[in-house]
Amino acid sequence: MSGIADIRAAVIGTGFIGTVHVEQLRRIGVQVRGVLGSTPERGAARAAALGVGHAYASLEAILDDPAIDVVHVTSPNNLHVPQARAILAAGKHVVCEKPLAMTAAESASLVEDAARSGRVNAVNFNIRFYPLHQHVRELVADGGLGDVRFVTGHYFQDWLLLDTDWNWRLEPDEGGSMRAVGDIGSHWIDLMQFLTGRRIESVMADLATFVELRQEPRGPVETFSTERSADTVERPMATEDVASILLRFERGARLRLRGLRDALARGDAPAPSGPRGDRPSAHPRAAHRERASRDRRRRASTDDVKPMRHGGSVHAWPPPSSR
């Protein structure tokens, strides 16, 4: 390959984030040769909708295609490790969505495989590449802020606001045992390590589930969809809606993160402390938020006020025996 226009990519996953990868690769001049959907039929339909020339029937078909240089993995979290490992073994480069794996042990093993492969490998923590974040990193590195002692921030998201909202990320077998932390909190944690240039040494977290029962549609659901299905089945929730995290970084710096994906959240933005500014009224989920707000006001006017009930858990690392 002599330039970016010579890179030929395939994208695994044709949902919300897979579509984002296809569009962004095209914008920078990379050739998107094909996509792999959750089923051959869905893959073919999404390839046609995206104007991609080929829909692969299986991962093996991608691995056997000599025209593919790099594969982007945007499948559900439980598939990241086996798919990325197979891609590396086939001698292709890989870009994998976060979280890289379901457990730390899986991540460590995959990192070792990637190092031995000699292939380009990366996890898609894209937020660190925003121009403002690049500027802040340089400012901190040059001493423009002095010694960083304390960082506080949040990542609030109003998606999965209602008990009728559903996505595969709610299912531990596919999304993992941590949801708010693994899916959006991981972006903030990576960003703070990137900005400060320091690594995390220890962590304590309070995790809680506010929406304990949800209505799962019997059919497929698109990420960020606001459509409601009348044909549902009630499911108990085992992953967190909110996380409050205390972090200790190298050289003594402290960080505080609040990560929220439930009925108390607004908008979708990782933010260090400070004003966020007004959002345009034409936000693509504005109608969804307005309807949810109206439903909450109606319930508040007709229901007795009751104390909030939810499950919670506290996790600390490293454990006392290893400190």
C-alpha atoms as a PDB file:
ATOM      1  CA  MET A   1       0.000   0.000   0.000  1.00  0.00           C
ATOM      2  CA  SER A   2       1.456   3.351  -1.033  1.00  0.00           C
ATOM      3  CA  GLY A   3      -1.264   5.611   0.380  1.00  0.00           C
ATOM      4  CA  ILE A   4      -4.554   5.755   2.226  1.00  0.00           C
ATOM      5  CA  ALA A   5      -6.524   5.440  -1.005  1.00  0.00           C
ATOM      6  CA  ASP A   6      -4.922   2.015  -1.521  1.00  0.00           C
ATOM      7  CA  ILE A   7      -6.261   0.617   1.772  1.00  0.00           C
ATOM      8  CA  ARG A   8      -9.101  -1.862   1.293  1.00  0.00           C
ATOM      9  CA  ALA A   9     -11.390  -2.438   4.266  1.00  0.00           C
ATOM     10  CA  ALA A  10     -14.249  -4.658   5.343  1.00  0.00           C
ATOM     11  CA  VAL A  11     -16.607  -3.775   8.207  1.00  0.00           C
ATOM     12  CA  ILE A  12     -18.155  -6.373  10.510  1.00  0.00           C
ATOM     13  CA  GLY A  13     -21.493  -5.094  11.780  1.00  0.00           C
ATOM     14  CA  THR A  14     -24.088  -3.107   9.856  1.00  0.00           C
ATOM     15  CA  GLY A  15     -25.975  -1.431  12.698  1.00  0.00           C
ATOM     16  CA  PHE A  16     -25.564   2.108  14.014  1.00  0.00           C
ATOM     17  CA  ILE A  17     -21.821   2.119  14.670  1.00  0.00           C
ATOM     18  CA  GLY A  18     -20.985  -0.117  11.709  1.00  0.00           C
ATOM     19  CA  THR A  19     -22.634   2.438   9.444  1.00  0.00           C
ATOM     20  CA  VAL A  20     -20.572   5.183  11.098  1.00  0.00           C
ATOM     21  CA  HIS A  21     -17.373   3.265  10.342  1.00  0.00           C
ATOM     22  CA  VAL A  22     -18.351   2.812   6.686  1.00  0.00           C
ATOM     23  CA  GLU A  23     -19.100   6.518   6.289  1.00  0.00           C
ATOM     24  CA  GLN A  24     -15.952   7.690   8.066  1.00  0.00           C
ATOM     25  CA  LEU A  25     -13.687   5.341   6.127  1.00  0.00           C
ATOM     26  CA  ARG A  26     -15.084   6.718   2.899  1.00  0.00           C
ATOM     27  CA  ARG A  27     -14.569  10.304   4.051  1.00  0.00           C
ATOM     28  CA  ILE A  28     -10.842   9.741   4.542  1.00  0.00           C
ATOM     29  CA  GLY A  29     -10.485   7.907   1.223  1.00  0.00           C
ATOM     30  CA  VAL A  30     -10.330   4.264   2.340  1.00  0.00           C
ATOM     31  CA  GLN A  31     -12.000   1.761   0.015  1.00  0.00           C
ATOM     32  CA  VAL A  32     -14.828  -0.098   1.781  1.00  0.00           C
ATOM     33  CA  ARG A  33     -14.999  -3.344  -0.166  1.00  0.00           C
ATOM     34  CA  GLY A  34     -17.714  -5.096   1.817  1.00  0.00           C
ATOM     35  CA  VAL A  35     -19.692  -5.545   5.034  1.00  0.00           C
ATOM     36  CA  LEU A  36     -20.745  -8.497   7.177  1.00  0.00           C
ATOM     37  CA  GLY A  37     -24.185  -8.345   8.786  1.00  0.00           C
ATOM     38  CA  SER A  38     -25.717 -10.361  11.599  1.00  0.00           C
ATOM     39  CA  THR A  39     -27.333 -12.528   8.902  1.00  0.00           C
ATOM     40  CA  PRO A  40     -26.599 -12.833   5.164  1.00  0.00           C
ATOM     41  CA  GLU A  41     -29.977 -11.252   4.421  1.00  0.00           C
ATOM     42  CA  ARG A  42     -29.403  -8.263   6.673  1.00  0.00           C
ATOM     43  CA  GLY A  43     -25.884  -7.852   5.352  1.00  0.00           C
ATOM     44  CA  ALA A  44     -27.131  -7.766   1.772  1.00  0.00           C
ATOM     45  CA  ALA A  45     -29.869  -5.270   2.602  1.00  0.00           C
ATOM     46  CA  ARG A  46     -27.506  -2.943   4.476  1.00  0.00           C
ATOM     47  CA  ALA A  47     -24.811  -3.194   1.781  1.00  0.00           C
ATOM     48  CA  ALA A  48     -27.372  -2.078  -0.787  1.00  0.00           C
ATOM     49  CA  ALA A  49     -28.574   0.767   1.454  1.00  0.00           C
ATOM     50  CA  LEU A  50     -25.004   1.968   2.065  1.00  0.00           C
ATOM     51  CA  GLY A  51     -23.887   1.556  -1.534  1.00  0.00           C
ATOM     52  CA  VAL A  52     -21.237  -1.016  -0.582  1.00  0.00           C
ATOM     53  CA  GLY A  53     -20.374  -3.386  -3.391  1.00  0.00           C
ATOM     54  CA  HIS A  54     -20.284  -6.669  -1.482  1.00  0.00           C
ATOM     55  CA  ALA A  55     -22.009  -8.358   1.463  1.00  0.00           C
ATOM     56  CA  TYR A  56     -19.959 -11.188   2.969  1.00  0.00           C
ATOM     57  CA  ALA A  57     -21.832 -14.278   4.097  1.00  0.00           C
ATOM     58  CA  SER A  58     -19.397 -15.084   6.930  1.00  0.00           C
ATOM     59  CA  LEU A  59     -16.244 -13.998   8.727  1.00  0.00           C
ATOM     60  CA  GLU A  60     -14.383 -16.779   6.930  1.00  0.00           C
ATOM     61  CA  ALA A  61     -15.298 -15.189   3.607  1.00  0.00           C
ATOM     62  CA  ILE A  62     -13.637 -11.945   4.719  1.00  0.00           C
ATOM     63  CA  LEU A  63     -10.535 -13.750   5.955  1.00  0.00           C
ATOM     64  CA  ASP A  64     -10.227 -15.638   2.679  1.00  0.00           C
ATOM     65  CA  ASP A  65     -10.526 -12.486   0.555  1.00  0.00           C
ATOM     66  CA  PRO A  66      -7.002 -11.397  -0.505  1.00  0.00           C
ATOM     67  CA  ALA A  67      -8.365  -7.977  -1.461  1.00  0.00           C
ATOM     68  CA  ILE A  68      -8.980  -7.020   2.189  1.00  0.00           C
ATOM     69  CA  ASP A  69      -6.171  -5.313   4.092  1.00  0.00           C
ATOM     70  CA  VAL A  70      -7.966  -4.267   7.304  1.00  0.00           C
ATOM     71  CA  VAL A  71     -11.153  -5.320   9.085  1.00  0.00           C
ATOM     72  CA  HIS A  72     -13.192  -3.064  11.369  1.00  0.00           C
ATOM     73  CA  VAL A  73     -14.998  -4.986  14.123  1.00  0.00           C
ATOM     74  CA  THR A  74     -18.267  -3.307  15.219  1.00  0.00           C
ATOM     75  CA  SER A  75     -20.163  -6.421  16.286  1.00  0.00           C
ATOM     76  CA  PRO A  76     -21.625  -7.020  19.785  1.00  0.00           C
ATOM     77  CA  ASN A  77     -19.020  -7.069  22.545  1.00  0.00           C
ATOM     78  CA  ASN A  78     -18.986 -10.844  23.056  1.00  0.00           C
ATOM     79  CA  LEU A  79     -17.742 -11.334  19.485  1.00  0.00           C
ATOM     80  CA  HIS A  80     -14.822  -8.903  19.628  1.00  0.00           C
ATOM     81  CA  VAL A  81     -12.158 -11.294  20.914  1.00  0.00           C
ATOM     82  CA  PRO A  82     -12.810 -14.307  18.657  1.00  0.00           C
ATOM     83  CA  GLN A  83     -13.278 -12.140  15.576  1.00  0.00           C
ATOM     84  CA  ALA A  84     -10.226  -9.932  16.215  1.00  0.00           C
ATOM     85  CA  ARG A  85      -8.085 -12.977  16.987  1.00  0.00           C
ATOM     86  CA  ALA A  86      -9.146 -14.677  13.743  1.00  0.00           C
ATOM     87  CA  ILE A  87      -8.466 -11.524  11.741  1.00  0.00           C
ATOM     88  CA  LEU A  88      -4.948 -11.197  13.155  1.00  0.00           C
ATOM     89  CA  ALA A  89      -4.268 -14.889  12.545  1.00  0.00           C
ATOM     90  CA  ALA A  90      -5.261 -14.383   8.904  1.00  0.00           C
ATOM     91  CA  GLY A  91      -2.572 -11.700   8.575  1.00  0.00           C
ATOM     92  CA  LYS A  92      -4.922  -8.742   8.310  1.00  0.00           C
ATOM     93  CA  HIS A  93      -4.911  -5.490  10.270  1.00  0.00           C
ATOM     94  CA  VAL A  94      -7.770  -4.911  12.720  1.00  0.00           C
ATOM     95  CA  VAL A  95      -9.589  -1.956  14.269  1.00  0.00           C
ATOM     96  CA  CYS A  96     -11.927  -3.078  17.055  1.00  0.00           C
ATOM     97  CA  GLU A  97     -14.699  -1.177  18.783  1.00  0.00           C
ATOM     98  CA  LYS A  98     -14.582  -0.837  22.532  1.00  0.00           C
ATOM     99  CA  PRO A  99     -14.785  -2.571  24.887  1.00  0.00           C
ATOM    100  CA  LEU A 100     -12.043  -4.745  23.467  1.00  0.00           C
ATOM    101  CA  ALA A 101     -13.198  -7.786  25.445  1.00  0.00           C
ATOM    102  CA  MET A 102     -15.641  -8.991  28.072  1.00  0.00           C
ATOM    103  CA  THR A 103     -12.949  -9.416  30.749  1.00  0.00           C
ATOM    104  CA  ALA A 104      -9.499  -8.059  31.551  1.00  0.00           C
ATOM    105  CA  ALA A 105      -7.997 -11.537  31.049  1.00  0.00           C
ATOM    106  CA  GLU A 106      -9.423 -11.703  27.529  1.00  0.00           C
ATOM    107  CA  SER A 107      -8.062  -8.238  26.750  1.00  0.00           C
ATOM    108  CA  ALA A 108      -4.586  -9.144  27.970  1.00  0.00           C
ATOM    109  CA  SER A 109      -4.524 -12.318  25.883  1.00  0.00           C
ATOM    110  CA  LEU A 110      -5.676 -10.489  22.759  1.00  0.00           C
ATOM    111  CA  VAL A 111      -3.084  -7.741  23.240  1.00  0.00           C
ATOM    112  CA  GLU A 112      -0.378 -10.424  23.351  1.00  0.00           C
ATOM    113  CA  ASP A 113      -1.713 -11.993  20.153  1.00  0.00           C
ATOM    114  CA  ALA A 114      -1.748  -8.604  18.454  1.00  0.00           C
ATOM    115  CA  ALA A 115       1.840  -7.863  19.457  1.00  0.00           C
ATOM    116  CA  ARG A 116       3.019 -11.208  18.051  1.00  0.00           C
ATOM    117  CA  SER A 117       1.120 -10.740  14.800  1.00  0.00           C
ATOM    118  CA  GLY A 118       3.028  -7.668  13.661  1.00  0.00           C
ATOM    119  CA  ARG A 119      -0.232  -6.290  12.236  1.00  0.00           C
ATOM    120  CA  VAL A 120      -1.635  -2.829  12.877  1.00  0.00           C
ATOM    121  CA  ASN A 121      -4.193  -3.091  15.685  1.00  0.00           C
ATOM    122  CA  ALA A 122      -6.258  -0.473  17.469  1.00  0.00           C
ATOM    123  CA  VAL A 123      -9.284   0.078  19.702  1.00  0.00           C
ATOM    124  CA  ASN A 124     -11.704   2.747  18.573  1.00  0.00           C
ATOM    125  CA  PHE A 125     -11.394   5.422  21.276  1.00  0.00           C
ATOM    126  CA  ASN A 126     -12.172   8.170  18.798  1.00  0.00           C
ATOM    127  CA  ILE A 127     -13.040  10.948  21.274  1.00  0.00           C
ATOM    128  CA  ARG A 128      -9.373  11.574  22.089  1.00  0.00           C
ATOM    129  CA  PHE A 129      -8.903  12.802  18.512  1.00  0.00           C
ATOM    130  CA  TYR A 130     -11.289  15.749  18.753  1.00  0.00           C
ATOM    131  CA  PRO A 131      -9.246  18.928  18.056  1.00  0.00           C
ATOM    132  CA  LEU A 132     -10.058  20.431  21.464  1.00  0.00           C
ATOM    133  CA  HIS A 133      -8.811  17.306  23.229  1.00  0.00           C
ATOM    134  CA  GLN A 134      -5.606  17.295  21.197  1.00  0.00           C
ATOM    135  CA  HIS A 135      -5.055  20.908  22.243  1.00  0.00           C
ATOM    136  CA  VAL A 136      -5.674  20.161  25.945  1.00  0.00           C
ATOM    137  CA  ARG A 137      -3.273  17.201  25.863  1.00  0.00           C
ATOM    138  CA  GLU A 138      -0.517  19.436  24.479  1.00  0.00           C
ATOM    139  CA  LEU A 139      -1.351  22.127  27.040  1.00  0.00           C
ATOM    140  CA  VAL A 140      -1.052  19.667  29.936  1.00  0.00           C
ATOM    141  CA  ALA A 141       2.129  18.077  28.551  1.00  0.00           C
ATOM    142  CA  ASP A 142       3.764  21.510  28.161  1.00  0.00           C
ATOM    143  CA  GLY A 143       2.952  22.436  31.761  1.00  0.00           C
ATOM    144  CA  GLY A 144       0.365  25.041  30.810  1.00  0.00           C
ATOM    145  CA  LEU A 145      -1.995  23.877  33.585  1.00  0.00           C
ATOM    146  CA  GLY A 146       0.685  23.179  36.140  1.00  0.00           C
ATOM    147  CA  ASP A 147       0.561  19.952  38.135  1.00  0.00           C
ATOM    148  CA  VAL A 148      -2.739  18.139  37.507  1.00  0.00           C
ATOM    149  CA  ARG A 149      -4.115  17.176  40.914  1.00  0.00           C
ATOM    150  CA  PHE A 150      -7.851  16.665  40.481  1.00  0.00           C
ATOM    151  CA  VAL A 151     -10.109  15.996  37.498  1.00  0.00           C
ATOM    152  CA  THR A 152     -13.887  15.693  37.613  1.00  0.00           C
ATOM    153  CA  GLY A 153     -16.369  15.078  34.855  1.00  0.00           C
ATOM    154  CA  HIS A 154     -19.316  13.120  33.561  1.00  0.00           C
ATOM    155  CA  TYR A 155     -20.713  11.295  30.583  1.00  0.00           C
ATOM    156  CA  PHE A 156     -24.506  11.488  30.640  1.00  0.00           C
ATOM    157  CA  GLN A 157     -26.675   9.910  27.958  1.00  0.00           C
ATOM    158  CA  ASP A 158     -30.467   9.838  27.708  1.00  0.00           C
ATOM    159  CA  TRP A 159     -30.606   6.781  25.486  1.00  0.00           C
ATOM    160  CA  LEU A 160     -32.349   3.788  27.132  1.00  0.00           C
ATOM    161  CA  LEU A 161     -34.414   6.340  29.018  1.00  0.00           C
ATOM    162  CA  LEU A 162     -37.653   4.364  29.265  1.00  0.00           C
ATOM    163  CA  ASP A 163     -38.421   0.807  30.307  1.00  0.00           C
ATOM    164  CA  THR A 164     -39.624   0.214  26.733  1.00  0.00           C
ATOM    165  CA  ASP A 165     -36.189   1.107  25.310  1.00  0.00           C
ATOM    166  CA  TRP A 166     -34.155  -1.957  24.325  1.00  0.00           C
ATOM    167  CA  ASN A 167     -30.783  -2.849  22.832  1.00  0.00           C
ATOM    168  CA  TRP A 168     -28.430  -5.830  22.885  1.00  0.00           C
ATOM    169  CA  ARG A 169     -26.174  -3.862  25.268  1.00  0.00           C
ATOM    170  CA  LEU A 170     -28.718  -4.604  28.009  1.00  0.00           C
ATOM    171  CA  GLU A 171     -27.975  -8.322  27.760  1.00  0.00           C
ATOM    172  CA  PRO A 172     -24.866  -9.371  29.761  1.00  0.00           C
ATOM    173  CA  ASP A 173     -24.210 -12.346  27.472  1.00  0.00           C
ATOM    174  CA  GLU A 174     -23.718  -9.967  24.535  1.00  0.00           C
ATOM    175  CA  GLY A 175     -22.750  -6.641  26.089  1.00  0.00           C
ATOM    176  CA  GLY A 176     -20.868  -7.759  29.182  1.00  0.00           C
ATOM    177  CA  SER A 177     -21.482  -7.376  32.909  1.00  0.00           C
ATOM    178  CA  MET A 178     -20.934  -3.591  32.871  1.00  0.00           C
ATOM    179  CA  ARG A 179     -22.972  -1.308  30.629  1.00  0.00           C
ATOM    180  CA  ALA A 180     -22.721   2.389  31.545  1.00  0.00           C
ATOM    181  CA  VAL A 181     -19.051   1.975  32.438  1.00  0.00           C
ATOM    182  CA  GLY A 182     -18.078  -0.362  29.602  1.00  0.00           C
ATOM    183  CA  ASP A 183     -19.945   1.438  26.854  1.00  0.00           C
ATOM    184  CA  ILE A 184     -19.666   5.163  27.608  1.00  0.00           C
ATOM    185  CA  GLY A 185     -17.622   5.437  30.802  1.00  0.00           C
ATOM    186  CA  SER A 186     -14.739   3.743  29.003  1.00  0.00           C
ATOM    187  CA  HIS A 187     -14.598   6.691  26.587  1.00  0.00           C
ATOM    188  CA  TRP A 188     -14.269   9.191  29.444  1.00  0.00           C
ATOM    189  CA  ILE A 189     -11.679   7.116  31.298  1.00  0.00           C
ATOM    190  CA  ASP A 190      -9.582   6.717  28.149  1.00  0.00           C
ATOM    191  CA  LEU A 191      -9.902  10.432  27.427  1.00  0.00           C
ATOM    192  CA  MET A 192      -8.694  11.436  30.902  1.00  0.00           C
ATOM    193  CA  GLN A 193      -5.679   9.130  30.650  1.00  0.00           C
ATOM    194  CA  PHE A 194      -4.947  10.625  27.231  1.00  0.00           C
ATOM    195  CA  LEU A 195      -5.290  14.252  28.394  1.00  0.00           C
ATOM    196  CA  THR A 196      -3.279  13.866  31.597  1.00  0.00           C
ATOM    197  CA  GLY A 197      -0.701  11.414  30.285  1.00  0.00           C
ATOM    198  CA  ARG A 198      -1.180   9.305  33.433  1.00  0.00           C
ATOM    199  CA  ARG A 199      -2.368   5.742  33.984  1.00  0.00           C
ATOM    200  CA  ILE A 200      -4.942   4.548  36.503  1.00  0.00           C
ATOM    201  CA  GLU A 201      -3.540   2.845  39.615  1.00  0.00           C
ATOM    202  CA  SER A 202      -6.709   2.078  41.586  1.00  0.00           C
ATOM    203  CA  VAL A 203     -10.457   2.511  41.337  1.00  0.00           C
ATOM    204  CA  MET A 204     -13.589   2.433  43.472  1.00  0.00           C
ATOM    205  CA  ALA A 205     -17.075   2.468  41.958  1.00  0.00           C
ATOM    206  CA  ASP A 206     -20.692   2.551  43.067  1.00  0.00           C
ATOM    207  CA  LEU A 207     -22.943   0.916  40.442  1.00  0.00           C
ATOM    208  CA  ALA A 208     -26.741   1.003  40.469  1.00  0.00           C
ATOM    209  CA  THR A 209     -29.659  -0.139  38.333  1.00  0.00           C
ATOM    210  CA  PHE A 210     -32.669   2.194  38.307  1.00  0.00           C
ATOM    211  CA  VAL A 211     -34.780   0.528  35.606  1.00  0.00           C
ATOM    212  CA  GLU A 212     -34.982  -2.975  37.030  1.00  0.00           C
ATOM    213  CA  LEU A 213     -37.484  -4.376  34.521  1.00  0.00           C
ATOM    214  CA  ARG A 214     -37.592  -3.627  30.787  1.00  0.00           C
ATOM    215  CA  GLN A 215     -39.811  -4.594  27.880  1.00  0.00           C
ATOM    216  CA  GLU A 216     -37.836  -6.483  25.242  1.00  0.00           C
ATOM    217  CA  PRO A 217     -39.379  -6.378  21.740  1.00  0.00           C
ATOM    218  CA  ARG A 218     -39.715  -9.771  20.111  1.00  0.00           C
ATOM    219  CA  GLY A 219     -38.286  -8.431  16.840  1.00  0.00           C
ATOM    220  CA  PRO A 220     -34.975  -6.711  15.955  1.00  0.00           C
ATOM    221  CA  VAL A 221     -34.202  -3.238  17.339  1.00  0.00           C
ATOM    222  CA  GLU A 222     -31.951  -0.532  15.880  1.00  0.00           C
ATOM    223  CA  THR A 223     -29.559   1.317  18.193  1.00  0.00           C
ATOM    224  CA  PHE A 224     -30.971   4.758  19.153  1.00  0.00           C
ATOM    225  CA  SER A 225     -34.336   3.868  17.609  1.00  0.00           C
ATOM    226  CA  THR A 226     -37.316   5.719  19.132  1.00  0.00           C
ATOM    227  CA  GLU A 227     -39.912   3.317  17.741  1.00  0.00           C
ATOM    228  CA  ARG A 228     -41.921   1.320  20.290  1.00  0.00           C
ATOM    229  CA  SER A 229     -43.009  -2.274  19.785  1.00  0.00           C
ATOM    230  CA  ALA A 230     -46.350  -3.496  21.147  1.00  0.00           C
ATOM    231  CA  ASP A 231     -45.131  -7.100  21.147  1.00  0.00           C
ATOM    232  CA  THR A 232     -42.725  -7.348  24.093  1.00  0.00           C
ATOM    233  CA  VAL A 233     -41.654  -9.605  26.934  1.00  0.00           C
ATOM    234  CA  GLU A 234     -40.618  -8.350  30.389  1.00  0.00           C
ATOM    235  CA  ARG A 235     -36.947  -8.857  31.297  1.00  0.00           C
ATOM    236  CA  PRO A 236     -35.094  -8.219  34.580  1.00  0.00           C
ATOM    237  CA  MET A 237     -31.951  -6.088  34.294  1.00  0.00           C
ATOM    238  CA  ALA A 238     -28.526  -7.175  35.547  1.00  0.00           C
ATOM    239  CA  THR A 239     -26.326  -4.290  34.313  1.00  0.00           C
ATOM    240  CA  GLU A 240     -25.917  -0.785  35.709  1.00  0.00           C
ATOM    241  CA  ASP A 241     -27.704   2.376  34.619  1.00  0.00           C
ATOM    242  CA  VAL A 242     -25.380   4.650  36.582  1.00  0.00           C
ATOM    243  CA  ALA A 243     -21.830   4.547  37.896  1.00  0.00           C
ATOM    244  CA  SER A 244     -20.041   6.908  40.266  1.00  0.00           C
ATOM    245  CA  ILE A 245     -16.312   6.243  40.057  1.00  0.00           C
ATOM    246  CA  LEU A 246     -13.306   7.449  42.038  1.00  0.00           C
ATOM    247  CA  LEU A 247      -9.930   6.962  40.348  1.00  0.00           C
ATOM    248  CA  ARG A 248      -6.374   7.314  41.599  1.00  0.00           C
ATOM    249  CA  PHE A 249      -3.827   8.094  38.902  1.00  0.00           C
ATOM    250  CA  GLU A 250      -0.062   7.944  38.810  1.00  0.00           C
ATOM    251  CA  ARG A 251       1.714  10.621  40.861  1.00  0.00           C
ATOM    252  CA  GLY A 252      -1.289  11.042  43.138  1.00  0.00           C
ATOM    253  CA  ALA A 253      -3.854  12.753  40.913  1.00  0.00           C
ATOM    254  CA  ARG A 254      -7.510  12.028  41.735  1.00  0.00           C
ATOM    255  CA  LEU A 255     -10.393  11.798  39.309  1.00  0.00           C
ATOM    256  CA  ARG A 256     -14.136  11.600  39.758  1.00  0.00           C
ATOM    257  CA  LEU A 257     -16.473  10.310  37.036  1.00  0.00           C
ATOM    258  CA  ARG A 258     -20.238  10.078  36.888  1.00  0.00           C
ATOM    259  CA  GLY A 259     -21.496   7.895  34.063  1.00  0.00           C
ATOM    260  CA  LEU A 260     -25.240   7.658  33.491  1.00  0.00           C
ATOM    261  CA  ARG A 261     -27.458   5.917  30.971  1.00  0.00           C
ATOM    262  CA  ASP A 262     -30.963   6.016  32.360  1.00  0.00           C
ATOM    263  CA  ALA A 263     -34.021   8.129  33.158  1.00  0.00           C
ATOM    264  CA  LEU A 264     -32.057  10.936  34.825  1.00  0.00           C
ATOM    265  CA  ALA A 265     -29.720  11.699  31.917  1.00  0.00           C
ATOM    266  CA  ARG A 266     -29.824  14.454  29.327  1.00  0.00           C
ATOM    267  CA  GLY A 267     -28.008  14.643  26.007  1.00  0.00           C
ATOM    268  CA  ASP A 268     -24.973  12.649  24.931  1.00  0.00           C
ATOM    269  CA  ALA A 269     -21.609  14.237  25.684  1.00  0.00           C
ATOM    270  CA  PRO A 270     -18.457  13.410  27.640  1.00  0.00           C
ATOM    271  CA  ALA A 271     -17.463  16.558  29.492  1.00  0.00           C
ATOM    272  CA  PRO A 272     -14.765  17.648  31.931  1.00  0.00           C
ATOM    273  CA  SER A 273     -16.125  20.023  34.570  1.00  0.00           C
ATOM    274  CA  GLY A 274     -17.393  23.315  33.176  1.00  0.00           C
ATOM    275  CA  PRO A 275     -20.321  24.687  31.144  1.00  0.00           C
ATOM    276  CA  ARG A 276     -21.610  22.592  28.271  1.00  0.00           C
ATOM    277  CA  GLY A 277     -23.537  25.262  26.370  1.00  0.00           C
ATOM    278  CA  ASP A 278     -26.983  25.050  24.822  1.00  0.00           C
ATOM    279  CA  ARG A 279     -27.896  22.300  22.405  1.00  0.00           C
ATOM    280  CA  PRO A 280     -29.763  22.968  19.151  1.00  0.00           C
ATOM    281  CA  SER A 281     -33.465  22.175  19.341  1.00  0.00           C
ATOM    282  CA  ALA A 282     -33.182  20.043  16.192  1.00  0.00           C
ATOM    283  CA  HIS A 283     -31.235  17.301  17.996  1.00  0.00           C
ATOM    284  CA  PRO A 284     -32.138  13.977  16.306  1.00  0.00           C
ATOM    285  CA  ARG A 285     -33.494  12.610  19.599  1.00  0.00           C
ATOM    286  CA  ALA A 286     -35.285  15.836  20.616  1.00  0.00           C
ATOM    287  CA  ALA A 287     -38.729  14.361  19.996  1.00  0.00           C
ATOM    288  CA  HIS A 288     -37.780  11.294  22.052  1.00  0.00           C
ATOM    289  CA  ARG A 289     -36.671  13.457  24.987  1.00  0.00           C
ATOM    290  CA  GLU A 290     -39.740  15.687  24.756  1.00  0.00           C
ATOM    291  CA  ARG A 291     -42.072  12.687  24.830  1.00  0.00           C
ATOM    292  CA  ALA A 292     -40.216  11.126  27.755  1.00  0.00           C
ATOM    293  CA  SER A 293     -40.282  14.427  29.662  1.00  0.00           C
ATOM    294  CA  ARG A 294     -44.018  14.731  29.067  1.00  0.00           C
ATOM    295  CA  ASP A 295     -44.548  11.168  30.318  1.00  0.00           C
ATOM    296  CA  ARG A 296     -42.559  11.886  33.477  1.00  0.00           C
ATOM    297  CA  ARG A 297     -44.536  15.070  34.194  1.00  0.00           C
ATOM    298  CA  ARG A 298     -47.797  13.175  33.753  1.00  0.00           C
ATOM    299  CA  ARG A 299     -46.688  10.415  36.106  1.00  0.00           C
ATOM    300  CA  ALA A 300     -45.470  12.965  38.651  1.00  0.00           C
ATOM    301  CA  SER A 301     -48.849  14.699  38.660  1.00  0.00           C
ATOM    302  CA  THR A 302     -50.853  11.494  39.180  1.00  0.00           C
ATOM    303  CA  ASP A 303     -48.641   9.249  41.314  1.00  0.00           C
ATOM    304  CA  ASP A 304     -47.829   9.523  44.983  1.00  0.00           C
ATOM    305  CA  VAL A 305     -44.213  10.425  45.667  1.00  0.00           C
ATOM    306  CA  LYS A 306     -42.324   7.281  46.599  1.00  0.00           C
ATOM    307  CA  PRO A 307     -38.679   6.758  47.594  1.00  0.00           C
ATOM    308  CA  MET A 308     -36.467   5.517  44.765  1.00  0.00           C
ATOM    309  CA  ARG A 309     -35.800   1.789  44.928  1.00  0.00           C
ATOM    310  CA  HIS A 310     -32.867   0.262  43.103  1.00  0.00           C
ATOM    311  CA  GLY A 311     -30.134  -2.271  43.503  1.00  0.00           C
ATOM    312  CA  GLY A 312     -26.603  -1.073  44.093  1.00  0.00           C
ATOM    313  CA  SER A 313     -23.119  -2.447  44.513  1.00  0.00           C
ATOM    314  CA  VAL A 314     -19.713  -1.095  45.469  1.00  0.00           C
ATOM    315  CA  HIS A 315     -16.542  -2.368  43.867  1.00  0.00           C
ATOM    316  CA  ALA A 316     -12.982  -1.525  44.828  1.00  0.00           C
ATOM    317  CA  TRP A 317      -9.721  -2.329  43.055  1.00  0.00           C
ATOM    318  CA  PRO A 318      -7.126  -3.427  43.914  1.00  0.00           C
ATOM    319  CA  PRO A 319      -8.650  -5.547  46.724  1.00  0.00           C
ATOM    320  CA  PRO A 320      -7.361  -4.865  50.267  1.00  0.00           C
ATOM    321  CA  SER A 321      -5.235  -8.041  50.274  1.00  0.00           C
ATOM    322  CA  SER A 322      -3.177  -6.834  47.302  1.00  0.00           C
ATOM    323  CA  ARG A 323      -2.684  -3.181  48.291  1.00  0.00           C
END
